[in-house]
Amino acid sequence: MFRFAGDEFIVLKRTRSADGLAAYIDEVKRRLAAYNGGEPPYPLSLSYGMSFFETGDMDTFMKEMDDNMYRMKAEHHAQTETSTV
């Protein structure tokens, strides 16, 4: 894991399938929910973008990952706005 920019971090995970990555994300979300369930002073949230580096170049890989993360953030904000109206 390394810091990419601001509050963005990149986790590189070696896996052979999307299922392996989904299981990893599920575990991270489970631990985050457990942390937030303890009523911490600063609850944490998570937005993420996934990408597979199989062929191509690093710029394409990073752009796809970043685009996917911002798509998730936009969907979250749209849901939040709808639920508060």
PDB file of N, CA and C in Angstrom:
ATOM      1  N   MET A   1       0.857  -1.175   0.000  1.00  0.00           N
ATOM      2  CA  MET A   1       0.000   0.000   0.000  1.00  0.00           C
ATOM      3  C   MET A   1       0.895   1.228   0.000  1.00  0.00           C
ATOM      4  N   PHE A   2       0.465   2.229  -0.739  1.00  0.00           N
ATOM      5  CA  PHE A   2       1.190   3.483  -0.708  1.00  0.00           C
ATOM      6  C   PHE A   2       0.236   4.639  -0.968  1.00  0.00           C
ATOM      7  N   ARG A   3       0.606   5.797  -0.480  1.00  0.00           N
ATOM      8  CA  ARG A   3      -0.195   6.999  -0.645  1.00  0.00           C
ATOM      9  C   ARG A   3      -0.025   7.496  -2.065  1.00  0.00           C
ATOM     10  N   PHE A   4      -1.155   7.815  -2.689  1.00  0.00           N
ATOM     11  CA  PHE A   4      -1.137   8.275  -4.070  1.00  0.00           C
ATOM     12  C   PHE A   4      -1.259   9.789  -4.134  1.00  0.00           C
ATOM     13  N   ALA A   5      -2.285  10.322  -3.483  1.00  0.00           N
ATOM     14  CA  ALA A   5      -2.505  11.774  -3.471  1.00  0.00           C
ATOM     15  C   ALA A   5      -3.526  12.097  -2.395  1.00  0.00           C
ATOM     16  N   GLY A   6      -3.255  13.122  -1.623  1.00  0.00           N
ATOM     17  CA  GLY A   6      -4.213  13.542  -0.605  1.00  0.00           C
ATOM     18  C   GLY A   6      -4.611  12.394   0.294  1.00  0.00           C
ATOM     19  N   ASP A   7      -5.895  12.056   0.265  1.00  0.00           N
ATOM     20  CA  ASP A   7      -6.384  10.944   1.087  1.00  0.00           C
ATOM     21  C   ASP A   7      -6.593   9.678   0.255  1.00  0.00           C
ATOM     22  N   GLU A   8      -5.876   9.571  -0.840  1.00  0.00           N
ATOM     23  CA  GLU A   8      -5.978   8.400  -1.716  1.00  0.00           C
ATOM     24  C   GLU A   8      -4.767   7.500  -1.536  1.00  0.00           C
ATOM     25  N   PHE A   9      -5.062   6.210  -1.418  1.00  0.00           N
ATOM     26  CA  PHE A   9      -4.024   5.203  -1.272  1.00  0.00           C
ATOM     27  C   PHE A   9      -4.229   4.122  -2.317  1.00  0.00           C
ATOM     28  N   ILE A  10      -3.165   3.482  -2.691  1.00  0.00           N
ATOM     29  CA  ILE A  10      -3.237   2.384  -3.645  1.00  0.00           C
ATOM     30  C   ILE A  10      -2.767   1.118  -2.954  1.00  0.00           C
ATOM     31  N   VAL A  11      -3.574   0.081  -3.097  1.00  0.00           N
ATOM     32  CA  VAL A  11      -3.213  -1.241  -2.593  1.00  0.00           C
ATOM     33  C   VAL A  11      -3.063  -2.143  -3.808  1.00  0.00           C
ATOM     34  N   LEU A  12      -1.896  -2.707  -3.969  1.00  0.00           N
ATOM     35  CA  LEU A  12      -1.672  -3.663  -5.041  1.00  0.00           C
ATOM     36  C   LEU A  12      -1.865  -5.053  -4.469  1.00  0.00           C
ATOM     37  N   LYS A  13      -2.736  -5.812  -5.078  1.00  0.00           N
ATOM     38  CA  LYS A  13      -3.067  -7.157  -4.585  1.00  0.00           C
ATOM     39  C   LYS A  13      -2.886  -8.143  -5.720  1.00  0.00           C
ATOM     40  N   ARG A  14      -2.045  -9.118  -5.484  1.00  0.00           N
ATOM     41  CA  ARG A  14      -1.837 -10.150  -6.499  1.00  0.00           C
ATOM     42  C   ARG A  14      -2.955 -11.176  -6.372  1.00  0.00           C
ATOM     43  N   THR A  15      -3.684 -11.391  -7.437  1.00  0.00           N
ATOM     44  CA  THR A  15      -4.766 -12.369  -7.452  1.00  0.00           C
ATOM     45  C   THR A  15      -4.937 -12.873  -8.878  1.00  0.00           C
ATOM     46  N   ARG A  16      -5.541 -14.008  -9.006  1.00  0.00           N
ATOM     47  CA  ARG A  16      -5.743 -14.610 -10.327  1.00  0.00           C
ATOM     48  C   ARG A  16      -7.150 -14.360 -10.882  1.00  0.00           C
ATOM     49  N   SER A  17      -8.018 -13.799 -10.051  1.00  0.00           N
ATOM     50  CA  SER A  17      -9.396 -13.634 -10.509  1.00  0.00           C
ATOM     51  C   SER A  17     -10.069 -12.444  -9.834  1.00  0.00           C
ATOM     52  N   ALA A  18     -11.167 -12.026 -10.446  1.00  0.00           N
ATOM     53  CA  ALA A  18     -11.979 -10.957  -9.855  1.00  0.00           C
ATOM     54  C   ALA A  18     -12.593 -11.436  -8.545  1.00  0.00           C
ATOM     55  N   ASP A  19     -12.881 -12.727  -8.435  1.00  0.00           N
ATOM     56  CA  ASP A  19     -13.444 -13.271  -7.192  1.00  0.00           C
ATOM     57  C   ASP A  19     -12.467 -13.120  -6.028  1.00  0.00           C
ATOM     58  N   GLY A  20     -11.183 -13.355  -6.292  1.00  0.00           N
ATOM     59  CA  GLY A  20     -10.178 -13.202  -5.246  1.00  0.00           C
ATOM     60  C   GLY A  20     -10.096 -11.769  -4.766  1.00  0.00           C
ATOM     61  N   LEU A  21     -10.208 -10.844  -5.683  1.00  0.00           N
ATOM     62  CA  LEU A  21     -10.175  -9.432  -5.324  1.00  0.00           C
ATOM     63  C   LEU A  21     -11.453  -9.037  -4.585  1.00  0.00           C
ATOM     64  N   ALA A  22     -12.585  -9.562  -5.025  1.00  0.00           N
ATOM     65  CA  ALA A  22     -13.854  -9.264  -4.352  1.00  0.00           C
ATOM     66  C   ALA A  22     -13.831  -9.765  -2.910  1.00  0.00           C
ATOM     67  N   ALA A  23     -13.241 -10.935  -2.675  1.00  0.00           N
ATOM     68  CA  ALA A  23     -13.147 -11.470  -1.315  1.00  0.00           C
ATOM     69  C   ALA A  23     -12.284 -10.561  -0.445  1.00  0.00           C
ATOM     70  N   TYR A  24     -11.218 -10.037  -1.001  1.00  0.00           N
ATOM     71  CA  TYR A  24     -10.341  -9.120  -0.270  1.00  0.00           C
ATOM     72  C   TYR A  24     -11.095  -7.833   0.090  1.00  0.00           C
ATOM     73  N   ILE A  25     -11.815  -7.275  -0.869  1.00  0.00           N
ATOM     74  CA  ILE A  25     -12.591  -6.050  -0.634  1.00  0.00           C
ATOM     75  C   ILE A  25     -13.666  -6.308   0.432  1.00  0.00           C
ATOM     76  N   ASP A  26     -14.320  -7.463   0.359  1.00  0.00           N
ATOM     77  CA  ASP A  26     -15.339  -7.800   1.366  1.00  0.00           C
ATOM     78  C   ASP A  26     -14.736  -7.833   2.767  1.00  0.00           C
ATOM     79  N   GLU A  27     -13.537  -8.375   2.898  1.00  0.00           N
ATOM     80  CA  GLU A  27     -12.873  -8.430   4.205  1.00  0.00           C
ATOM     81  C   GLU A  27     -12.540  -7.018   4.703  1.00  0.00           C
ATOM     82  N   VAL A  28     -12.062  -6.167   3.812  1.00  0.00           N
ATOM     83  CA  VAL A  28     -11.762  -4.776   4.199  1.00  0.00           C
ATOM     84  C   VAL A  28     -13.040  -4.081   4.662  1.00  0.00           C
ATOM     85  N   LYS A  29     -14.132  -4.271   3.921  1.00  0.00           N
ATOM     86  CA  LYS A  29     -15.403  -3.644   4.305  1.00  0.00           C
ATOM     87  C   LYS A  29     -15.919  -4.192   5.631  1.00  0.00           C
ATOM     88  N   ARG A  30     -15.746  -5.484   5.875  1.00  0.00           N
ATOM     89  CA  ARG A  30     -16.175  -6.086   7.132  1.00  0.00           C
ATOM     90  C   ARG A  30     -15.410  -5.465   8.306  1.00  0.00           C
ATOM     91  N   ARG A  31     -14.107  -5.320   8.141  1.00  0.00           N
ATOM     92  CA  ARG A  31     -13.291  -4.731   9.210  1.00  0.00           C
ATOM     93  C   ARG A  31     -13.632  -3.249   9.423  1.00  0.00           C
ATOM     94  N   LEU A  32     -13.911  -2.549   8.347  1.00  0.00           N
ATOM     95  CA  LEU A  32     -14.290  -1.139   8.456  1.00  0.00           C
ATOM     96  C   LEU A  32     -15.620  -1.008   9.208  1.00  0.00           C
ATOM     97  N   ALA A  33     -16.581  -1.883   8.896  1.00  0.00           N
ATOM     98  CA  ALA A  33     -17.870  -1.859   9.586  1.00  0.00           C
ATOM     99  C   ALA A  33     -17.695  -2.174  11.073  1.00  0.00           C
ATOM    100  N   ALA A  34     -16.813  -3.115  11.375  1.00  0.00           N
ATOM    101  CA  ALA A  34     -16.557  -3.450  12.782  1.00  0.00           C
ATOM    102  C   ALA A  34     -15.942  -2.258  13.512  1.00  0.00           C
ATOM    103  N   TYR A  35     -15.028  -1.578  12.868  1.00  0.00           N
ATOM    104  CA  TYR A  35     -14.416  -0.388  13.468  1.00  0.00           C
ATOM    105  C   TYR A  35     -15.478   0.689  13.711  1.00  0.00           C
ATOM    106  N   ASN A  36     -16.266   0.982  12.687  1.00  0.00           N
ATOM    107  CA  ASN A  36     -17.284   2.025  12.814  1.00  0.00           C
ATOM    108  C   ASN A  36     -18.388   1.626  13.786  1.00  0.00           C
ATOM    109  N   GLY A  37     -18.630   0.332  13.944  1.00  0.00           N
ATOM    110  CA  GLY A  37     -19.647  -0.148  14.879  1.00  0.00           C
ATOM    111  C   GLY A  37     -19.271   0.096  16.327  1.00  0.00           C
ATOM    112  N   GLY A  38     -17.988   0.339  16.579  1.00  0.00           N
ATOM    113  CA  GLY A  38     -17.534   0.643  17.932  1.00  0.00           C
ATOM    114  C   GLY A  38     -17.682   2.106  18.290  1.00  0.00           C
ATOM    115  N   GLU A  39     -18.384   2.865  17.471  1.00  0.00           N
ATOM    116  CA  GLU A  39     -18.621   4.293  17.676  1.00  0.00           C
ATOM    117  C   GLU A  39     -17.325   5.082  17.871  1.00  0.00           C
ATOM    118  N   PRO A  40     -16.453   5.018  16.867  1.00  0.00           N
ATOM    119  CA  PRO A  40     -15.198   5.766  16.965  1.00  0.00           C
ATOM    120  C   PRO A  40     -15.453   7.272  16.883  1.00  0.00           C
ATOM    121  N   PRO A  41     -14.528   8.084  17.360  1.00  0.00           N
ATOM    122  CA  PRO A  41     -14.721   9.533  17.297  1.00  0.00           C
ATOM    123  C   PRO A  41     -14.746  10.047  15.852  1.00  0.00           C
ATOM    124  N   TYR A  42     -14.091   9.340  14.951  1.00  0.00           N
ATOM    125  CA  TYR A  42     -14.041   9.720  13.543  1.00  0.00           C
ATOM    126  C   TYR A  42     -14.349   8.500  12.689  1.00  0.00           C
ATOM    127  N   PRO A  43     -15.629   8.279  12.348  1.00  0.00           N
ATOM    128  CA  PRO A  43     -15.970   7.132  11.511  1.00  0.00           C
ATOM    129  C   PRO A  43     -15.267   7.225  10.154  1.00  0.00           C
ATOM    130  N   LEU A  44     -14.928   6.089   9.607  1.00  0.00           N
ATOM    131  CA  LEU A  44     -14.237   6.033   8.321  1.00  0.00           C
ATOM    132  C   LEU A  44     -15.176   5.535   7.240  1.00  0.00           C
ATOM    133  N   SER A  45     -14.933   5.992   6.019  1.00  0.00           N
ATOM    134  CA  SER A  45     -15.669   5.491   4.864  1.00  0.00           C
ATOM    135  C   SER A  45     -14.648   5.102   3.800  1.00  0.00           C
ATOM    136  N   LEU A  46     -15.132   4.434   2.786  1.00  0.00           N
ATOM    137  CA  LEU A  46     -14.240   3.881   1.785  1.00  0.00           C
ATOM    138  C   LEU A  46     -14.853   4.016   0.403  1.00  0.00           C
ATOM    139  N   SER A  47     -14.091   4.518  -0.518  1.00  0.00           N
ATOM    140  CA  SER A  47     -14.421   4.469  -1.940  1.00  0.00           C
ATOM    141  C   SER A  47     -13.223   3.836  -2.609  1.00  0.00           C
ATOM    142  N   TYR A  48     -13.478   2.997  -3.563  1.00  0.00           N
ATOM    143  CA  TYR A  48     -12.366   2.313  -4.209  1.00  0.00           C
ATOM    144  C   TYR A  48     -12.651   2.088  -5.690  1.00  0.00           C
ATOM    145  N   GLY A  49     -11.600   1.922  -6.416  1.00  0.00           N
ATOM    146  CA  GLY A  49     -11.688   1.571  -7.828  1.00  0.00           C
ATOM    147  C   GLY A  49     -10.754   0.410  -8.074  1.00  0.00           C
ATOM    148  N   MET A  50     -11.241  -0.568  -8.810  1.00  0.00           N
ATOM    149  CA  MET A  50     -10.419  -1.738  -9.087  1.00  0.00           C
ATOM    150  C   MET A  50     -10.026  -1.765 -10.554  1.00  0.00           C
ATOM    151  N   SER A  51      -8.885  -2.326 -10.788  1.00  0.00           N
ATOM    152  CA  SER A  51      -8.402  -2.495 -12.150  1.00  0.00           C
ATOM    153  C   SER A  51      -7.452  -3.678 -12.157  1.00  0.00           C
ATOM    154  N   PHE A  52      -7.367  -4.360 -13.275  1.00  0.00           N
ATOM    155  CA  PHE A  52      -6.437  -5.471 -13.422  1.00  0.00           C
ATOM    156  C   PHE A  52      -5.349  -5.078 -14.399  1.00  0.00           C
ATOM    157  N   PHE A  53      -4.117  -5.284 -13.986  1.00  0.00           N
ATOM    158  CA  PHE A  53      -2.981  -4.993 -14.853  1.00  0.00           C
ATOM    159  C   PHE A  53      -2.561  -6.304 -15.496  1.00  0.00           C
ATOM    160  N   GLU A  54      -3.110  -6.565 -16.672  1.00  0.00           N
ATOM    161  CA  GLU A  54      -2.788  -7.803 -17.378  1.00  0.00           C
ATOM    162  C   GLU A  54      -1.898  -7.502 -18.577  1.00  0.00           C
ATOM    163  N   THR A  55      -2.316  -6.553 -19.348  1.00  0.00           N
ATOM    164  CA  THR A  55      -1.525  -6.102 -20.488  1.00  0.00           C
ATOM    165  C   THR A  55      -1.713  -4.606 -20.598  1.00  0.00           C
ATOM    166  N   GLY A  56      -0.950  -3.983 -21.418  1.00  0.00           N
ATOM    167  CA  GLY A  56      -1.098  -2.545 -21.588  1.00  0.00           C
ATOM    168  C   GLY A  56      -0.011  -1.799 -20.853  1.00  0.00           C
ATOM    169  N   ASP A  57      -0.341  -0.600 -20.445  1.00  0.00           N
ATOM    170  CA  ASP A  57       0.660   0.235 -19.798  1.00  0.00           C
ATOM    171  C   ASP A  57       0.149   0.746 -18.451  1.00  0.00           C
ATOM    172  N   MET A  58       1.048   1.235 -17.662  1.00  0.00           N
ATOM    173  CA  MET A  58       0.729   1.697 -16.311  1.00  0.00           C
ATOM    174  C   MET A  58      -0.249   2.868 -16.330  1.00  0.00           C
ATOM    175  N   ASP A  59      -0.128   3.778 -17.285  1.00  0.00           N
ATOM    176  CA  ASP A  59      -1.035   4.926 -17.337  1.00  0.00           C
ATOM    177  C   ASP A  59      -2.484   4.479 -17.531  1.00  0.00           C
ATOM    178  N   THR A  60      -2.705   3.508 -18.411  1.00  0.00           N
ATOM    179  CA  THR A  60      -4.050   2.996 -18.659  1.00  0.00           C
ATOM    180  C   THR A  60      -4.596   2.318 -17.406  1.00  0.00           C
ATOM    181  N   PHE A  61      -3.769   1.521 -16.763  1.00  0.00           N
ATOM    182  CA  PHE A  61      -4.136   0.826 -15.524  1.00  0.00           C
ATOM    183  C   PHE A  61      -4.550   1.834 -14.448  1.00  0.00           C
ATOM    184  N   MET A  62      -3.748   2.853 -14.233  1.00  0.00           N
ATOM    185  CA  MET A  62      -4.023   3.854 -13.202  1.00  0.00           C
ATOM    186  C   MET A  62      -5.270   4.666 -13.533  1.00  0.00           C
ATOM    187  N   LYS A  63      -5.443   5.027 -14.791  1.00  0.00           N
ATOM    188  CA  LYS A  63      -6.616   5.810 -15.192  1.00  0.00           C
ATOM    189  C   LYS A  63      -7.888   5.004 -14.980  1.00  0.00           C
ATOM    190  N   GLU A  64      -7.864   3.733 -15.342  1.00  0.00           N
ATOM    191  CA  GLU A  64      -9.046   2.888 -15.152  1.00  0.00           C
ATOM    192  C   GLU A  64      -9.392   2.771 -13.668  1.00  0.00           C
ATOM    193  N   MET A  65      -8.381   2.574 -12.846  1.00  0.00           N
ATOM    194  CA  MET A  65      -8.591   2.455 -11.403  1.00  0.00           C
ATOM    195  C   MET A  65      -9.164   3.763 -10.843  1.00  0.00           C
ATOM    196  N   ASP A  66      -8.596   4.889 -11.230  1.00  0.00           N
ATOM    197  CA  ASP A  66      -9.043   6.192 -10.756  1.00  0.00           C
ATOM    198  C   ASP A  66     -10.468   6.494 -11.228  1.00  0.00           C
ATOM    199  N   ASP A  67     -10.752   6.214 -12.499  1.00  0.00           N
ATOM    200  CA  ASP A  67     -12.103   6.435 -13.032  1.00  0.00           C
ATOM    201  C   ASP A  67     -13.134   5.604 -12.270  1.00  0.00           C
ATOM    202  N   ASN A  68     -12.792   4.359 -11.972  1.00  0.00           N
ATOM    203  CA  ASN A  68     -13.715   3.489 -11.232  1.00  0.00           C
ATOM    204  C   ASN A  68     -13.967   4.015  -9.823  1.00  0.00           C
ATOM    205  N   MET A  69     -12.929   4.543  -9.178  1.00  0.00           N
ATOM    206  CA  MET A  69     -13.106   5.097  -7.841  1.00  0.00           C
ATOM    207  C   MET A  69     -14.021   6.331  -7.881  1.00  0.00           C
ATOM    208  N   TYR A  70     -13.809   7.217  -8.818  1.00  0.00           N
ATOM    209  CA  TYR A  70     -14.642   8.420  -8.894  1.00  0.00           C
ATOM    210  C   TYR A  70     -16.072   8.090  -9.282  1.00  0.00           C
ATOM    211  N   ARG A  71     -16.267   7.030 -10.058  1.00  0.00           N
ATOM    212  CA  ARG A  71     -17.618   6.586 -10.396  1.00  0.00           C
ATOM    213  C   ARG A  71     -18.331   6.129  -9.113  1.00  0.00           C
ATOM    214  N   MET A  72     -17.619   5.389  -8.268  1.00  0.00           N
ATOM    215  CA  MET A  72     -18.199   4.934  -7.004  1.00  0.00           C
ATOM    216  C   MET A  72     -18.544   6.124  -6.110  1.00  0.00           C
ATOM    217  N   LYS A  73     -17.645   7.100  -6.037  1.00  0.00           N
ATOM    218  CA  LYS A  73     -17.911   8.290  -5.223  1.00  0.00           C
ATOM    219  C   LYS A  73     -19.141   9.031  -5.719  1.00  0.00           C
ATOM    220  N   ALA A  74     -19.271   9.170  -7.029  1.00  0.00           N
ATOM    221  CA  ALA A  74     -20.419   9.868  -7.603  1.00  0.00           C
ATOM    222  C   ALA A  74     -21.719   9.123  -7.284  1.00  0.00           C
ATOM    223  N   GLU A  75     -21.696   7.797  -7.381  1.00  0.00           N
ATOM    224  CA  GLU A  75     -22.880   7.005  -7.051  1.00  0.00           C
ATOM    225  C   GLU A  75     -23.234   7.162  -5.573  1.00  0.00           C
ATOM    226  N   HIS A  76     -22.236   7.160  -4.713  1.00  0.00           N
ATOM    227  CA  HIS A  76     -22.475   7.324  -3.276  1.00  0.00           C
ATOM    228  C   HIS A  76     -23.097   8.690  -2.982  1.00  0.00           C
ATOM    229  N   HIS A  77     -22.561   9.725  -3.593  1.00  0.00           N
ATOM    230  CA  HIS A  77     -23.093  11.078  -3.356  1.00  0.00           C
ATOM    231  C   HIS A  77     -24.511  11.205  -3.905  1.00  0.00           C
ATOM    232  N   ALA A  78     -24.798  10.563  -5.030  1.00  0.00           N
ATOM    233  CA  ALA A  78     -26.151  10.606  -5.587  1.00  0.00           C
ATOM    234  C   ALA A  78     -27.133   9.895  -4.654  1.00  0.00           C
ATOM    235  N   GLN A  79     -26.729   8.765  -4.060  1.00  0.00           N
ATOM    236  CA  GLN A  79     -27.579   8.049  -3.116  1.00  0.00           C
ATOM    237  C   GLN A  79     -27.800   8.859  -1.856  1.00  0.00           C
ATOM    238  N   THR A  80     -26.751   9.513  -1.376  1.00  0.00           N
ATOM    239  CA  THR A  80     -26.837  10.309  -0.158  1.00  0.00           C
ATOM    240  C   THR A  80     -27.787  11.486  -0.362  1.00  0.00           C
ATOM    241  N   GLU A  81     -27.694  12.139  -1.517  1.00  0.00           N
ATOM    242  CA  GLU A  81     -28.578  13.268  -1.797  1.00  0.00           C
ATOM    243  C   GLU A  81     -30.016  12.814  -1.908  1.00  0.00           C
ATOM    244  N   THR A  82     -30.264  11.653  -2.496  1.00  0.00           N
ATOM    245  CA  THR A  82     -31.623  11.139  -2.647  1.00  0.00           C
ATOM    246  C   THR A  82     -32.212  10.759  -1.298  1.00  0.00           C
ATOM    247  N   SER A  83     -31.397  10.172  -0.425  1.00  0.00           N
ATOM    248  CA  SER A  83     -31.907   9.723   0.874  1.00  0.00           C
ATOM    249  C   SER A  83     -32.142  10.870   1.844  1.00  0.00           C
ATOM    250  N   THR A  84     -31.559  12.023   1.612  1.00  0.00           N
ATOM    251  CA  THR A  84     -31.739  13.160   2.530  1.00  0.00           C
ATOM    252  C   THR A  84     -32.840  14.106   2.077  1.00  0.00           C
ATOM    253  N   VAL A  85     -33.397  13.876   0.905  1.00  0.00           N
ATOM    254  CA  VAL A  85     -34.443  14.761   0.393  1.00  0.00           C
ATOM    255  C   VAL A  85     -35.791  14.336   0.890  1.00  0.00           C
TER     256      VAL A  85
END
